[in-house]
């Protein structure tokens, strides 16, 4: 077992963690590796196509697609933080991660996850302005405003991540360095602490409320106004088109906030390694895979732009 414990001033300092997120049977690990690798490569391909489509098509240079472009970039980085290490550990004899690597993984995971929460809320605000104030849309959601909202989302996300990292890794760890998860998530790491972590858990809980419930409430209020405005549209076709522009965003909101709330908005006493690992797979592997599909499936403009990108990079037909 790869465990190195250094004795410093009668305290133990863990330099490696063992990740116990998946069963140890080699055949099952190989199957998981194949499935997760295929999902990861497909996620990268989907986001790359969306990024190329939005960059190359001038008709998509609007606030709505600017936020989608940033979200695709953020989710690409988000999966990069978790999935490659998870894949390498599935093939390793002992799935491990260094103390510094664990802290870095938690920092970028929390920072990007919080940023995505705020970005999804910003996209809800964008839909509110587009439907409720269409005549002033370009004035309210200007290019400068979009950039400022994205920068604010990223800054807030990574500031919260700094606080979370300080709370988690300021705890002295006991001799056990076995994390009951497949990556360095907040509560599985915090459970290894030698001291009472109740105050830290409470602080993280309130931060979770800030990150999850506050944006969700803002999205909910935005959609109350959106639905009210749509119902006043006399044309059925107009109502259908207005609802269609919001359907993909609402789907992502439900999946994203639902999974995150299940994990982070509850007492740590209810932590279950099996159930939480399954939910974690959902929001680290499956959700990033589905989000690009959800955003493009019913979006004619993006599908048209994607066809142009694919035709540009496809092989010429044989004569």
C-alpha atoms as a PDB file:
ATOM      1  CA  UNK A   1       0.000   0.000   0.000  1.00  0.00           C
ATOM      2  CA  UNK A   2       1.289   3.412  -0.923  1.00  0.00           C
ATOM      3  CA  UNK A   3       1.126   5.249   2.374  1.00  0.00           C
ATOM      4  CA  UNK A   4       3.762   7.582   3.652  1.00  0.00           C
ATOM      5  CA  UNK A   5       3.209   9.211   7.020  1.00  0.00           C
ATOM      6  CA  UNK A   6       5.708  11.748   8.275  1.00  0.00           C
ATOM      7  CA  UNK A   7       6.123  12.330  12.015  1.00  0.00           C
ATOM      8  CA  UNK A   8       6.381  16.066  12.685  1.00  0.00           C
ATOM      9  CA  UNK A   9       6.148  17.480  16.242  1.00  0.00           C
ATOM     10  CA  UNK A  10       4.271  14.372  17.476  1.00  0.00           C
ATOM     11  CA  UNK A  11       1.622  14.882  14.759  1.00  0.00           C
ATOM     12  CA  UNK A  12       1.022  12.761  11.673  1.00  0.00           C
ATOM     13  CA  UNK A  13       1.019  14.418   8.281  1.00  0.00           C
ATOM     14  CA  UNK A  14      -0.494  12.392   5.464  1.00  0.00           C
ATOM     15  CA  UNK A  15       1.346  12.756   2.182  1.00  0.00           C
ATOM     16  CA  UNK A  16      -0.829  10.351   0.154  1.00  0.00           C
ATOM     17  CA  UNK A  17      -4.507   9.436   0.103  1.00  0.00           C
ATOM     18  CA  UNK A  18      -5.957   6.124  -1.052  1.00  0.00           C
ATOM     19  CA  UNK A  19      -9.179   6.505  -3.073  1.00  0.00           C
ATOM     20  CA  UNK A  20     -11.727   3.724  -2.493  1.00  0.00           C
ATOM     21  CA  UNK A  21     -14.549   4.852  -4.745  1.00  0.00           C
ATOM     22  CA  UNK A  22     -15.039   1.749  -6.906  1.00  0.00           C
ATOM     23  CA  UNK A  23     -14.970  -2.043  -6.406  1.00  0.00           C
ATOM     24  CA  UNK A  24     -11.532  -3.630  -6.627  1.00  0.00           C
ATOM     25  CA  UNK A  25     -12.395  -6.475  -9.007  1.00  0.00           C
ATOM     26  CA  UNK A  26     -10.143  -5.998 -12.073  1.00  0.00           C
ATOM     27  CA  UNK A  27     -12.777  -7.064 -14.617  1.00  0.00           C
ATOM     28  CA  UNK A  28     -15.324  -4.566 -13.276  1.00  0.00           C
ATOM     29  CA  UNK A  29     -12.712  -1.798 -13.093  1.00  0.00           C
ATOM     30  CA  UNK A  30     -11.783  -2.426 -16.738  1.00  0.00           C
ATOM     31  CA  UNK A  31     -15.452  -2.182 -17.736  1.00  0.00           C
ATOM     32  CA  UNK A  32     -15.840   1.100 -15.807  1.00  0.00           C
ATOM     33  CA  UNK A  33     -12.643   2.411 -17.410  1.00  0.00           C
ATOM     34  CA  UNK A  34     -13.993   1.696 -20.899  1.00  0.00           C
ATOM     35  CA  UNK A  35     -17.395   3.284 -20.196  1.00  0.00           C
ATOM     36  CA  UNK A  36     -15.972   6.387 -18.488  1.00  0.00           C
ATOM     37  CA  UNK A  37     -13.273   6.852 -21.137  1.00  0.00           C
ATOM     38  CA  UNK A  38     -15.880   6.740 -23.919  1.00  0.00           C
ATOM     39  CA  UNK A  39     -18.107   9.200 -22.012  1.00  0.00           C
ATOM     40  CA  UNK A  40     -15.160  11.532 -21.351  1.00  0.00           C
ATOM     41  CA  UNK A  41     -13.980  11.577 -24.975  1.00  0.00           C
ATOM     42  CA  UNK A  42     -17.534  12.171 -26.172  1.00  0.00           C
ATOM     43  CA  UNK A  43     -17.934  15.031 -23.660  1.00  0.00           C
ATOM     44  CA  UNK A  44     -14.730  16.660 -24.919  1.00  0.00           C
ATOM     45  CA  UNK A  45     -15.869  16.250 -28.532  1.00  0.00           C
ATOM     46  CA  UNK A  46     -19.327  17.722 -27.835  1.00  0.00           C
ATOM     47  CA  UNK A  47     -17.961  20.767 -26.032  1.00  0.00           C
ATOM     48  CA  UNK A  48     -15.254  21.287 -28.659  1.00  0.00           C
ATOM     49  CA  UNK A  49     -17.886  21.263 -31.415  1.00  0.00           C
ATOM     50  CA  UNK A  50     -20.040  23.782 -29.529  1.00  0.00           C
ATOM     51  CA  UNK A  51     -17.024  26.042 -28.948  1.00  0.00           C
ATOM     52  CA  UNK A  52     -16.027  25.854 -32.632  1.00  0.00           C
ATOM     53  CA  UNK A  53     -19.611  26.399 -33.816  1.00  0.00           C
ATOM     54  CA  UNK A  54     -20.124  29.507 -31.676  1.00  0.00           C
ATOM     55  CA  UNK A  55     -16.714  30.950 -32.544  1.00  0.00           C
ATOM     56  CA  UNK A  56     -17.079  30.395 -36.287  1.00  0.00           C
ATOM     57  CA  UNK A  57     -20.734  31.411 -36.847  1.00  0.00           C
ATOM     58  CA  UNK A  58     -21.407  35.147 -36.674  1.00  0.00           C
ATOM     59  CA  UNK A  59     -25.127  34.636 -36.101  1.00  0.00           C
ATOM     60  CA  UNK A  60     -24.294  33.049 -32.730  1.00  0.00           C
ATOM     61  CA  UNK A  61     -22.284  36.027 -31.470  1.00  0.00           C
ATOM     62  CA  UNK A  62     -24.992  37.028 -28.989  1.00  0.00           C
ATOM     63  CA  UNK A  63     -25.166  37.082 -25.191  1.00  0.00           C
ATOM     64  CA  UNK A  64     -27.046  33.770 -24.973  1.00  0.00           C
ATOM     65  CA  UNK A  65     -24.408  31.885 -26.961  1.00  0.00           C
ATOM     66  CA  UNK A  66     -21.537  33.744 -25.313  1.00  0.00           C
ATOM     67  CA  UNK A  67     -22.676  32.288 -21.966  1.00  0.00           C
ATOM     68  CA  UNK A  68     -23.076  28.849 -23.564  1.00  0.00           C
ATOM     69  CA  UNK A  69     -19.533  29.173 -24.984  1.00  0.00           C
ATOM     70  CA  UNK A  70     -18.126  30.002 -21.527  1.00  0.00           C
ATOM     71  CA  UNK A  71     -20.123  27.184 -19.912  1.00  0.00           C
ATOM     72  CA  UNK A  72     -18.745  24.681 -22.444  1.00  0.00           C
ATOM     73  CA  UNK A  73     -15.180  25.858 -21.719  1.00  0.00           C
ATOM     74  CA  UNK A  74     -15.812  25.644 -17.971  1.00  0.00           C
ATOM     75  CA  UNK A  75     -17.318  22.157 -18.149  1.00  0.00           C
ATOM     76  CA  UNK A  76     -14.390  20.955 -20.269  1.00  0.00           C
ATOM     77  CA  UNK A  77     -12.017  22.089 -17.500  1.00  0.00           C
ATOM     78  CA  UNK A  78     -14.376  20.678 -14.855  1.00  0.00           C
ATOM     79  CA  UNK A  79     -14.222  17.159 -16.304  1.00  0.00           C
ATOM     80  CA  UNK A  80     -10.452  17.505 -16.823  1.00  0.00           C
ATOM     81  CA  UNK A  81     -10.023  17.980 -13.060  1.00  0.00           C
ATOM     82  CA  UNK A  82     -11.814  14.732 -12.134  1.00  0.00           C
ATOM     83  CA  UNK A  83     -12.038  12.190 -14.943  1.00  0.00           C
ATOM     84  CA  UNK A  84      -8.397  11.655 -16.109  1.00  0.00           C
ATOM     85  CA  UNK A  85      -7.229  10.925 -12.559  1.00  0.00           C
ATOM     86  CA  UNK A  86     -10.242   8.675 -12.030  1.00  0.00           C
ATOM     87  CA  UNK A  87      -9.397   6.765 -15.217  1.00  0.00           C
ATOM     88  CA  UNK A  88      -5.752   6.306 -14.233  1.00  0.00           C
ATOM     89  CA  UNK A  89      -6.781   5.058 -10.779  1.00  0.00           C
ATOM     90  CA  UNK A  90      -9.120   2.479 -12.333  1.00  0.00           C
ATOM     91  CA  UNK A  91      -6.032   0.898 -13.940  1.00  0.00           C
ATOM     92  CA  UNK A  92      -3.754   1.354 -10.922  1.00  0.00           C
ATOM     93  CA  UNK A  93      -2.968  -1.392  -8.426  1.00  0.00           C
ATOM     94  CA  UNK A  94      -3.537   1.073  -5.596  1.00  0.00           C
ATOM     95  CA  UNK A  95      -5.722   4.100  -6.529  1.00  0.00           C
ATOM     96  CA  UNK A  96      -3.936   6.996  -4.857  1.00  0.00           C
ATOM     97  CA  UNK A  97      -3.448  10.759  -4.998  1.00  0.00           C
ATOM     98  CA  UNK A  98      -0.862  12.959  -3.298  1.00  0.00           C
ATOM     99  CA  UNK A  99      -1.836  15.386  -0.552  1.00  0.00           C
ATOM    100  CA  UNK A 100      -0.999  18.366  -2.805  1.00  0.00           C
ATOM    101  CA  UNK A 101      -2.804  16.757  -5.730  1.00  0.00           C
ATOM    102  CA  UNK A 102      -5.874  16.182  -3.553  1.00  0.00           C
ATOM    103  CA  UNK A 103      -5.900  19.823  -2.406  1.00  0.00           C
ATOM    104  CA  UNK A 104      -5.482  21.037  -6.005  1.00  0.00           C
ATOM    105  CA  UNK A 105      -8.236  18.728  -7.259  1.00  0.00           C
ATOM    106  CA  UNK A 106     -10.652  19.921  -4.567  1.00  0.00           C
ATOM    107  CA  UNK A 107      -9.768  23.569  -5.252  1.00  0.00           C
ATOM    108  CA  UNK A 108     -10.416  23.415  -9.000  1.00  0.00           C
ATOM    109  CA  UNK A 109     -13.409  21.099  -8.636  1.00  0.00           C
ATOM    110  CA  UNK A 110     -15.180  23.408  -6.154  1.00  0.00           C
ATOM    111  CA  UNK A 111     -14.125  26.557  -8.026  1.00  0.00           C
ATOM    112  CA  UNK A 112     -15.399  25.346 -11.385  1.00  0.00           C
ATOM    113  CA  UNK A 113     -18.562  23.797  -9.896  1.00  0.00           C
ATOM    114  CA  UNK A 114     -19.432  27.084  -8.135  1.00  0.00           C
ATOM    115  CA  UNK A 115     -18.635  29.033 -11.296  1.00  0.00           C
ATOM    116  CA  UNK A 116     -21.008  26.793 -13.271  1.00  0.00           C
ATOM    117  CA  UNK A 117     -23.764  27.351 -10.685  1.00  0.00           C
ATOM    118  CA  UNK A 118     -23.422  31.113 -11.056  1.00  0.00           C
ATOM    119  CA  UNK A 119     -23.169  30.872 -14.861  1.00  0.00           C
ATOM    120  CA  UNK A 120     -26.407  28.878 -15.030  1.00  0.00           C
ATOM    121  CA  UNK A 121     -28.070  31.585 -12.905  1.00  0.00           C
ATOM    122  CA  UNK A 122     -26.684  34.262 -15.243  1.00  0.00           C
ATOM    123  CA  UNK A 123     -28.127  32.353 -18.205  1.00  0.00           C
ATOM    124  CA  UNK A 124     -31.500  32.419 -16.437  1.00  0.00           C
ATOM    125  CA  UNK A 125     -31.204  36.196 -16.121  1.00  0.00           C
ATOM    126  CA  UNK A 126     -30.362  36.366 -19.831  1.00  0.00           C
ATOM    127  CA  UNK A 127     -33.551  34.432 -20.685  1.00  0.00           C
ATOM    128  CA  UNK A 128     -35.556  36.748 -18.393  1.00  0.00           C
ATOM    129  CA  UNK A 129     -34.321  39.877 -20.174  1.00  0.00           C
ATOM    130  CA  UNK A 130     -34.770  38.311 -23.638  1.00  0.00           C
ATOM    131  CA  UNK A 131     -38.411  37.376 -23.010  1.00  0.00           C
ATOM    132  CA  UNK A 132     -39.604  40.049 -20.592  1.00  0.00           C
ATOM    133  CA  UNK A 133     -37.676  43.028 -22.036  1.00  0.00           C
ATOM    134  CA  UNK A 134     -36.941  42.115 -25.677  1.00  0.00           C
ATOM    135  CA  UNK A 135     -36.793  45.709 -26.955  1.00  0.00           C
ATOM    136  CA  UNK A 136     -34.047  46.614 -24.473  1.00  0.00           C
ATOM    137  CA  UNK A 137     -32.248  43.254 -24.615  1.00  0.00           C
ATOM    138  CA  UNK A 138     -29.085  44.387 -26.425  1.00  0.00           C
ATOM    139  CA  UNK A 139     -28.872  47.460 -24.222  1.00  0.00           C
ATOM    140  CA  UNK A 140     -29.282  45.594 -20.905  1.00  0.00           C
ATOM    141  CA  UNK A 141     -27.224  42.513 -21.786  1.00  0.00           C
ATOM    142  CA  UNK A 142     -24.399  44.276 -23.598  1.00  0.00           C
ATOM    143  CA  UNK A 143     -21.030  42.724 -24.423  1.00  0.00           C
ATOM    144  CA  UNK A 144     -19.416  44.482 -21.462  1.00  0.00           C
ATOM    145  CA  UNK A 145     -22.168  43.291 -19.132  1.00  0.00           C
ATOM    146  CA  UNK A 146     -21.702  39.708 -20.318  1.00  0.00           C
ATOM    147  CA  UNK A 147     -17.948  39.832 -19.668  1.00  0.00           C
ATOM    148  CA  UNK A 148     -18.472  41.370 -16.224  1.00  0.00           C
ATOM    149  CA  UNK A 149     -21.049  38.711 -15.286  1.00  0.00           C
ATOM    150  CA  UNK A 150     -18.718  35.903 -16.359  1.00  0.00           C
ATOM    151  CA  UNK A 151     -15.756  37.417 -14.492  1.00  0.00           C
ATOM    152  CA  UNK A 152     -17.897  37.920 -11.376  1.00  0.00           C
ATOM    153  CA  UNK A 153     -19.113  34.301 -11.560  1.00  0.00           C
ATOM    154  CA  UNK A 154     -15.553  32.983 -11.851  1.00  0.00           C
ATOM    155  CA  UNK A 155     -14.175  35.271  -9.130  1.00  0.00           C
ATOM    156  CA  UNK A 156     -16.937  34.354  -6.660  1.00  0.00           C
ATOM    157  CA  UNK A 157     -16.594  30.658  -7.492  1.00  0.00           C
ATOM    158  CA  UNK A 158     -12.864  30.493  -6.866  1.00  0.00           C
ATOM    159  CA  UNK A 159     -12.985  32.734  -3.777  1.00  0.00           C
ATOM    160  CA  UNK A 160     -15.485  30.303  -2.263  1.00  0.00           C
ATOM    161  CA  UNK A 161     -13.178  27.453  -3.276  1.00  0.00           C
ATOM    162  CA  UNK A 162     -10.278  29.085  -1.403  1.00  0.00           C
ATOM    163  CA  UNK A 163     -12.410  29.267   1.753  1.00  0.00           C
ATOM    164  CA  UNK A 164     -13.527  25.631   1.381  1.00  0.00           C
ATOM    165  CA  UNK A 165      -9.942  24.426   0.879  1.00  0.00           C
ATOM    166  CA  UNK A 166      -8.771  26.315   3.953  1.00  0.00           C
ATOM    167  CA  UNK A 167     -11.597  24.799   6.009  1.00  0.00           C
ATOM    168  CA  UNK A 168     -10.940  21.243   4.799  1.00  0.00           C
ATOM    169  CA  UNK A 169      -7.143  21.107   4.787  1.00  0.00           C
ATOM    170  CA  UNK A 170      -6.597  23.047   8.004  1.00  0.00           C
ATOM    171  CA  UNK A 171      -7.854  19.917   9.801  1.00  0.00           C
ATOM    172  CA  UNK A 172      -5.115  17.613  11.169  1.00  0.00           C
ATOM    173  CA  UNK A 173      -5.550  14.191   9.579  1.00  0.00           C
ATOM    174  CA  UNK A 174      -5.318  10.922  11.504  1.00  0.00           C
ATOM    175  CA  UNK A 175      -3.194   7.940  10.528  1.00  0.00           C
ATOM    176  CA  UNK A 176      -5.955   6.718   8.188  1.00  0.00           C
ATOM    177  CA  UNK A 177      -5.618   8.155   4.709  1.00  0.00           C
ATOM    178  CA  UNK A 178      -8.315   6.119   2.953  1.00  0.00           C
ATOM    179  CA  UNK A 179     -10.893   8.370   1.238  1.00  0.00           C
ATOM    180  CA  UNK A 180     -14.193   6.555   0.709  1.00  0.00           C
ATOM    181  CA  UNK A 181     -14.750   8.172  -2.696  1.00  0.00           C
ATOM    182  CA  UNK A 182     -13.267   8.173  -6.215  1.00  0.00           C
ATOM    183  CA  UNK A 183     -11.979  11.754  -5.995  1.00  0.00           C
ATOM    184  CA  UNK A 184     -11.191  14.370  -3.337  1.00  0.00           C
ATOM    185  CA  UNK A 185     -14.642  15.669  -2.489  1.00  0.00           C
ATOM    186  CA  UNK A 186     -15.339  17.893   0.517  1.00  0.00           C
ATOM    187  CA  UNK A 187     -16.993  15.635   3.070  1.00  0.00           C
ATOM    188  CA  UNK A 188     -15.116  12.365   2.354  1.00  0.00           C
ATOM    189  CA  UNK A 189     -11.825  14.225   2.977  1.00  0.00           C
ATOM    190  CA  UNK A 190     -13.193  16.088   5.998  1.00  0.00           C
ATOM    191  CA  UNK A 191     -14.240  12.774   7.582  1.00  0.00           C
ATOM    192  CA  UNK A 192     -10.557  11.859   7.975  1.00  0.00           C
ATOM    193  CA  UNK A 193      -9.931  14.745  10.384  1.00  0.00           C
ATOM    194  CA  UNK A 194      -8.757  13.954  13.920  1.00  0.00           C
ATOM    195  CA  UNK A 195     -10.527  16.898  15.569  1.00  0.00           C
ATOM    196  CA  UNK A 196     -14.182  17.910  15.834  1.00  0.00           C
ATOM    197  CA  UNK A 197     -15.236  19.249  12.430  1.00  0.00           C
ATOM    198  CA  UNK A 198     -18.786  20.349  13.279  1.00  0.00           C
ATOM    199  CA  UNK A 199     -18.050  24.076  12.953  1.00  0.00           C
ATOM    200  CA  UNK A 200     -16.270  23.552   9.643  1.00  0.00           C
ATOM    201  CA  UNK A 201     -19.135  21.415   8.358  1.00  0.00           C
ATOM    202  CA  UNK A 202     -21.600  24.130   9.359  1.00  0.00           C
ATOM    203  CA  UNK A 203     -19.542  26.799   7.585  1.00  0.00           C
ATOM    204  CA  UNK A 204     -19.402  24.653   4.422  1.00  0.00           C
ATOM    205  CA  UNK A 205     -23.158  24.055   4.692  1.00  0.00           C
ATOM    206  CA  UNK A 206     -23.835  27.813   4.721  1.00  0.00           C
ATOM    207  CA  UNK A 207     -21.485  28.279   1.764  1.00  0.00           C
ATOM    208  CA  UNK A 208     -23.443  25.553  -0.048  1.00  0.00           C
ATOM    209  CA  UNK A 209     -26.653  27.462   0.626  1.00  0.00           C
ATOM    210  CA  UNK A 210     -25.029  30.575  -0.831  1.00  0.00           C
ATOM    211  CA  UNK A 211     -23.856  28.749  -3.950  1.00  0.00           C
ATOM    212  CA  UNK A 212     -26.922  26.570  -4.574  1.00  0.00           C
ATOM    213  CA  UNK A 213     -30.049  28.042  -3.053  1.00  0.00           C
ATOM    214  CA  UNK A 214     -29.444  31.754  -3.729  1.00  0.00           C
ATOM    215  CA  UNK A 215     -28.891  31.288  -7.505  1.00  0.00           C
ATOM    216  CA  UNK A 216     -31.742  28.774  -7.622  1.00  0.00           C
ATOM    217  CA  UNK A 217     -34.128  31.252  -5.980  1.00  0.00           C
ATOM    218  CA  UNK A 218     -33.043  33.939  -8.472  1.00  0.00           C
ATOM    219  CA  UNK A 219     -33.673  31.505 -11.340  1.00  0.00           C
ATOM    220  CA  UNK A 220     -37.071  30.615  -9.893  1.00  0.00           C
ATOM    221  CA  UNK A 221     -38.076  34.289  -9.588  1.00  0.00           C
ATOM    222  CA  UNK A 222     -36.853  34.918 -13.156  1.00  0.00           C
ATOM    223  CA  UNK A 223     -39.022  32.094 -14.467  1.00  0.00           C
ATOM    224  CA  UNK A 224     -42.068  33.328 -12.582  1.00  0.00           C
ATOM    225  CA  UNK A 225     -41.791  36.553 -14.594  1.00  0.00           C
ATOM    226  CA  UNK A 226     -40.927  34.617 -17.775  1.00  0.00           C
ATOM    227  CA  UNK A 227     -43.978  32.337 -17.530  1.00  0.00           C
ATOM    228  CA  UNK A 228     -46.195  35.299 -16.715  1.00  0.00           C
ATOM    229  CA  UNK A 229     -44.941  37.114 -19.821  1.00  0.00           C
ATOM    230  CA  UNK A 230     -45.263  34.061 -22.078  1.00  0.00           C
ATOM    231  CA  UNK A 231     -48.863  33.446 -21.006  1.00  0.00           C
ATOM    232  CA  UNK A 232     -49.716  36.987 -22.135  1.00  0.00           C
ATOM    233  CA  UNK A 233     -48.506  36.231 -25.684  1.00  0.00           C
ATOM    234  CA  UNK A 234     -51.594  35.905 -27.860  1.00  0.00           C
ATOM    235  CA  UNK A 235     -50.027  33.618 -30.465  1.00  0.00           C
ATOM    236  CA  UNK A 236     -49.757  29.915 -29.610  1.00  0.00           C
ATOM    237  CA  UNK A 237     -46.739  29.648 -31.901  1.00  0.00           C
ATOM    238  CA  UNK A 238     -45.128  32.571 -30.091  1.00  0.00           C
ATOM    239  CA  UNK A 239     -45.718  30.877 -26.740  1.00  0.00           C
ATOM    240  CA  UNK A 240     -44.254  27.626 -28.035  1.00  0.00           C
ATOM    241  CA  UNK A 241     -41.090  29.331 -29.310  1.00  0.00           C
ATOM    242  CA  UNK A 242     -40.658  31.245 -26.047  1.00  0.00           C
ATOM    243  CA  UNK A 243     -41.009  28.080 -23.966  1.00  0.00           C
ATOM    244  CA  UNK A 244     -38.605  26.244 -26.308  1.00  0.00           C
ATOM    245  CA  UNK A 245     -35.849  28.789 -25.650  1.00  0.00           C
ATOM    246  CA  UNK A 246     -36.150  28.070 -21.913  1.00  0.00           C
ATOM    247  CA  UNK A 247     -36.644  24.289 -21.955  1.00  0.00           C
ATOM    248  CA  UNK A 248     -32.961  23.361 -22.295  1.00  0.00           C
ATOM    249  CA  UNK A 249     -31.913  25.777 -19.556  1.00  0.00           C
ATOM    250  CA  UNK A 250     -34.575  24.447 -17.172  1.00  0.00           C
ATOM    251  CA  UNK A 251     -33.433  20.869 -17.833  1.00  0.00           C
ATOM    252  CA  UNK A 252     -29.834  21.731 -16.955  1.00  0.00           C
ATOM    253  CA  UNK A 253     -31.007  23.623 -13.846  1.00  0.00           C
ATOM    254  CA  UNK A 254     -32.989  20.597 -12.625  1.00  0.00           C
ATOM    255  CA  UNK A 255     -30.119  18.139 -13.135  1.00  0.00           C
ATOM    256  CA  UNK A 256     -27.314  20.392 -11.904  1.00  0.00           C
ATOM    257  CA  UNK A 257     -28.949  21.814  -8.786  1.00  0.00           C
ATOM    258  CA  UNK A 258     -30.761  18.573  -7.974  1.00  0.00           C
ATOM    259  CA  UNK A 259     -27.597  16.456  -7.769  1.00  0.00           C
ATOM    260  CA  UNK A 260     -25.560  19.127  -5.993  1.00  0.00           C
ATOM    261  CA  UNK A 261     -28.304  19.791  -3.421  1.00  0.00           C
ATOM    262  CA  UNK A 262     -28.574  16.066  -2.639  1.00  0.00           C
ATOM    263  CA  UNK A 263     -24.861  15.942  -1.782  1.00  0.00           C
ATOM    264  CA  UNK A 264     -24.133  19.279  -0.118  1.00  0.00           C
ATOM    265  CA  UNK A 265     -27.408  20.470   1.470  1.00  0.00           C
ATOM    266  CA  UNK A 266     -27.770  17.772   4.121  1.00  0.00           C
ATOM    267  CA  UNK A 267     -26.074  16.703   7.371  1.00  0.00           C
ATOM    268  CA  UNK A 268     -22.841  14.721   6.997  1.00  0.00           C
ATOM    269  CA  UNK A 269     -24.369  12.065   9.264  1.00  0.00           C
ATOM    270  CA  UNK A 270     -26.488  11.031   6.267  1.00  0.00           C
ATOM    271  CA  UNK A 271     -23.398  10.460   4.112  1.00  0.00           C
ATOM    272  CA  UNK A 272     -23.509   7.132   2.270  1.00  0.00           C
ATOM    273  CA  UNK A 273     -20.434   6.205   0.244  1.00  0.00           C
ATOM    274  CA  UNK A 274     -22.286   3.972  -2.249  1.00  0.00           C
ATOM    275  CA  UNK A 275     -25.188   6.347  -2.967  1.00  0.00           C
ATOM    276  CA  UNK A 276     -22.993   9.449  -2.967  1.00  0.00           C
ATOM    277  CA  UNK A 277     -20.459   7.883  -5.332  1.00  0.00           C
ATOM    278  CA  UNK A 278     -23.314   7.054  -7.719  1.00  0.00           C
ATOM    279  CA  UNK A 279     -24.641  10.643  -7.565  1.00  0.00           C
ATOM    280  CA  UNK A 280     -21.082  11.959  -7.946  1.00  0.00           C
ATOM    281  CA  UNK A 281     -20.703   9.940 -11.147  1.00  0.00           C
ATOM    282  CA  UNK A 282     -23.884  11.660 -12.345  1.00  0.00           C
ATOM    283  CA  UNK A 283     -22.581  15.211 -11.886  1.00  0.00           C
ATOM    284  CA  UNK A 284     -18.944  14.548 -12.828  1.00  0.00           C
ATOM    285  CA  UNK A 285     -19.425  12.260 -15.852  1.00  0.00           C
ATOM    286  CA  UNK A 286     -23.040  12.003 -17.013  1.00  0.00           C
ATOM    287  CA  UNK A 287     -24.217  15.618 -16.591  1.00  0.00           C
ATOM    288  CA  UNK A 288     -21.253  17.138 -18.521  1.00  0.00           C
ATOM    289  CA  UNK A 289     -21.969  14.539 -21.231  1.00  0.00           C
ATOM    290  CA  UNK A 290     -25.671  15.414 -21.461  1.00  0.00           C
ATOM    291  CA  UNK A 291     -25.503  19.207 -21.095  1.00  0.00           C
ATOM    292  CA  UNK A 292     -24.165  19.899 -24.624  1.00  0.00           C
ATOM    293  CA  UNK A 293     -26.838  17.578 -26.052  1.00  0.00           C
ATOM    294  CA  UNK A 294     -29.599  19.288 -24.040  1.00  0.00           C
ATOM    295  CA  UNK A 295     -28.500  22.742 -25.187  1.00  0.00           C
ATOM    296  CA  UNK A 296     -28.254  21.808 -28.876  1.00  0.00           C
ATOM    297  CA  UNK A 297     -31.011  19.217 -29.363  1.00  0.00           C
ATOM    298  CA  UNK A 298     -33.827  21.747 -29.753  1.00  0.00           C
ATOM    299  CA  UNK A 299     -31.735  24.704 -30.884  1.00  0.00           C
ATOM    300  CA  UNK A 300     -31.921  25.191 -34.648  1.00  0.00           C
ATOM    301  CA  UNK A 301     -29.230  27.896 -34.759  1.00  0.00           C
ATOM    302  CA  UNK A 302     -26.646  25.752 -32.963  1.00  0.00           C
ATOM    303  CA  UNK A 303     -27.533  22.661 -35.030  1.00  0.00           C
ATOM    304  CA  UNK A 304     -27.093  24.661 -38.239  1.00  0.00           C
ATOM    305  CA  UNK A 305     -23.731  25.982 -37.043  1.00  0.00           C
ATOM    306  CA  UNK A 306     -22.655  22.460 -36.040  1.00  0.00           C
ATOM    307  CA  UNK A 307     -23.506  21.154 -39.507  1.00  0.00           C
ATOM    308  CA  UNK A 308     -21.277  23.867 -40.991  1.00  0.00           C
ATOM    309  CA  UNK A 309     -18.417  22.922 -38.659  1.00  0.00           C
ATOM    310  CA  UNK A 310     -18.794  19.208 -39.401  1.00  0.00           C
ATOM    311  CA  UNK A 311     -18.969  19.790 -43.148  1.00  0.00           C
ATOM    312  CA  UNK A 312     -15.870  21.978 -42.973  1.00  0.00           C
ATOM    313  CA  UNK A 313     -13.812  19.304 -41.182  1.00  0.00           C
ATOM    314  CA  UNK A 314     -15.326  16.225 -42.843  1.00  0.00           C
ATOM    315  CA  UNK A 315     -13.431  14.226 -45.428  1.00  0.00           C
ATOM    316  CA  UNK A 316     -14.268  14.951 -49.089  1.00  0.00           C
ATOM    317  CA  UNK A 317     -16.563  12.463 -50.730  1.00  0.00           C
ATOM    318  CA  UNK A 318     -14.987   9.961 -53.055  1.00  0.00           C
ATOM    319  CA  UNK A 319     -15.656  10.594 -56.706  1.00  0.00           C
END
